[in-house]
Amino acid sequence: MTADRYQPISCDYHDQLEEAALHRKQIELEFELEGVPQKERGTIADVFTRQGAEFVKFVAPSGPVEIRLDQIISMREATERDPR
């Protein structure tokens, strides 16, 4: 995780993340992890706050990872046609 100061995300986007977690939607998430852009398919297990920053616990085939919300680049609902 980057040591940069946390930049809050919009309430609407936060609501979308919580909805994806609540309904256990398969999503495709594009994010930065330690400065490296990544794209994974999986589910959001939790949306939580720790030390003044907000995170998701994202569960992908490669394993669970905690991602700070301001490091998320994009999120979309995965479809059955997706090759991943």
Protein backbone atom coordinates (compact mmCIF):
# COMPACT_ATOMS: atom_id res chain seq x y z
CA MET A 1 0.00 0.00 0.00
CA THR A 2 1.20 3.47 -0.78
CA ALA A 3 2.04 5.82 2.09
CA ASP A 4 0.30 8.72 0.31
CA ARG A 5 -2.41 10.58 2.20
CA TYR A 6 -5.83 8.96 1.73
CA GLN A 7 -8.13 10.77 -0.71
CA PRO A 8 -11.79 10.02 0.10
CA ILE A 9 -13.92 8.68 -2.74
CA SER A 10 -17.42 9.85 -3.64
CA CYS A 11 -20.36 8.58 -1.59
CA ASP A 12 -21.99 7.23 -4.77
CA TYR A 13 -18.94 5.12 -5.62
CA HIS A 14 -18.71 3.93 -2.00
CA ASP A 15 -22.36 2.85 -2.25
CA GLN A 16 -21.59 0.87 -5.44
CA LEU A 17 -18.77 -0.96 -3.67
CA GLU A 18 -21.01 -1.76 -0.69
CA GLU A 19 -23.76 -3.01 -3.02
CA ALA A 20 -21.29 -5.30 -4.80
CA ALA A 21 -20.22 -6.68 -1.40
CA LEU A 22 -23.78 -7.11 -0.12
CA HIS A 23 -24.93 -8.99 -3.22
CA ARG A 24 -21.63 -10.89 -3.63
CA LYS A 25 -21.43 -9.75 -7.25
CA GLN A 26 -18.63 -11.04 -9.45
CA ILE A 27 -16.76 -7.91 -10.51
CA GLU A 28 -13.68 -6.96 -12.45
CA LEU A 29 -11.59 -4.56 -10.40
CA GLU A 30 -8.74 -2.48 -11.75
CA PHE A 31 -6.49 -1.06 -9.03
CA GLU A 32 -2.97 -0.12 -8.01
CA LEU A 33 -1.17 -2.28 -5.48
CA GLU A 34 2.16 -0.91 -4.31
CA GLY A 35 2.23 1.34 -7.38
CA VAL A 36 1.62 -1.50 -9.86
CA PRO A 37 -1.64 -1.41 -11.89
CA GLN A 38 -3.55 -4.70 -11.72
CA LYS A 39 -6.83 -6.12 -12.97
CA GLU A 40 -8.53 -9.02 -11.19
CA ARG A 41 -11.90 -10.71 -11.21
CA GLY A 42 -13.52 -11.67 -7.89
CA THR A 43 -15.84 -10.49 -5.14
CA ILE A 44 -15.75 -7.83 -2.45
CA ALA A 45 -15.98 -9.52 0.94
CA ASP A 46 -16.01 -6.33 3.02
CA VAL A 47 -15.79 -2.54 2.92
CA PHE A 48 -14.16 -1.13 6.06
CA THR A 49 -12.26 1.77 7.62
CA ARG A 50 -8.88 1.55 9.31
CA GLN A 51 -6.66 4.40 10.56
CA GLY A 52 -8.66 7.06 8.69
CA ALA A 53 -8.67 5.30 5.32
CA GLU A 54 -11.31 3.12 3.65
CA PHE A 55 -10.57 -0.31 2.19
CA VAL A 56 -12.19 -3.27 0.46
CA LYS A 57 -11.28 -6.88 1.14
CA PHE A 58 -11.25 -8.23 -2.40
CA VAL A 59 -11.25 -11.99 -2.93
CA ALA A 60 -9.73 -13.04 -6.26
CA PRO A 61 -8.58 -16.47 -7.52
CA SER A 62 -5.02 -15.46 -6.55
CA GLY A 63 -6.20 -14.91 -2.95
CA PRO A 64 -7.66 -12.12 -0.79
CA VAL A 65 -6.16 -8.64 -0.82
CA GLU A 66 -6.98 -5.42 1.02
CA ILE A 67 -7.16 -2.44 -1.34
CA ARG A 68 -7.43 1.18 -0.25
CA LEU A 69 -10.45 2.71 -2.00
CA ASP A 70 -8.50 5.60 -3.52
CA GLN A 71 -6.26 3.03 -5.25
CA ILE A 72 -9.19 1.59 -7.23
CA ILE A 73 -9.09 2.70 -10.86
CA SER A 74 -12.33 1.10 -12.04
CA MET A 75 -14.94 -1.49 -11.18
CA ARG A 76 -17.42 -3.24 -13.43
CA GLU A 77 -19.73 -6.17 -13.01
CA ALA A 78 -18.25 -9.30 -14.59
CA THR A 79 -20.35 -11.22 -17.06
CA GLU A 80 -20.38 -14.93 -17.85
CA ARG A 81 -18.73 -14.19 -21.21
CA ASP A 82 -15.63 -12.73 -19.56
CA PRO A 83 -12.67 -15.02 -20.24
CA ARG A 84 -11.36 -14.85 -16.64
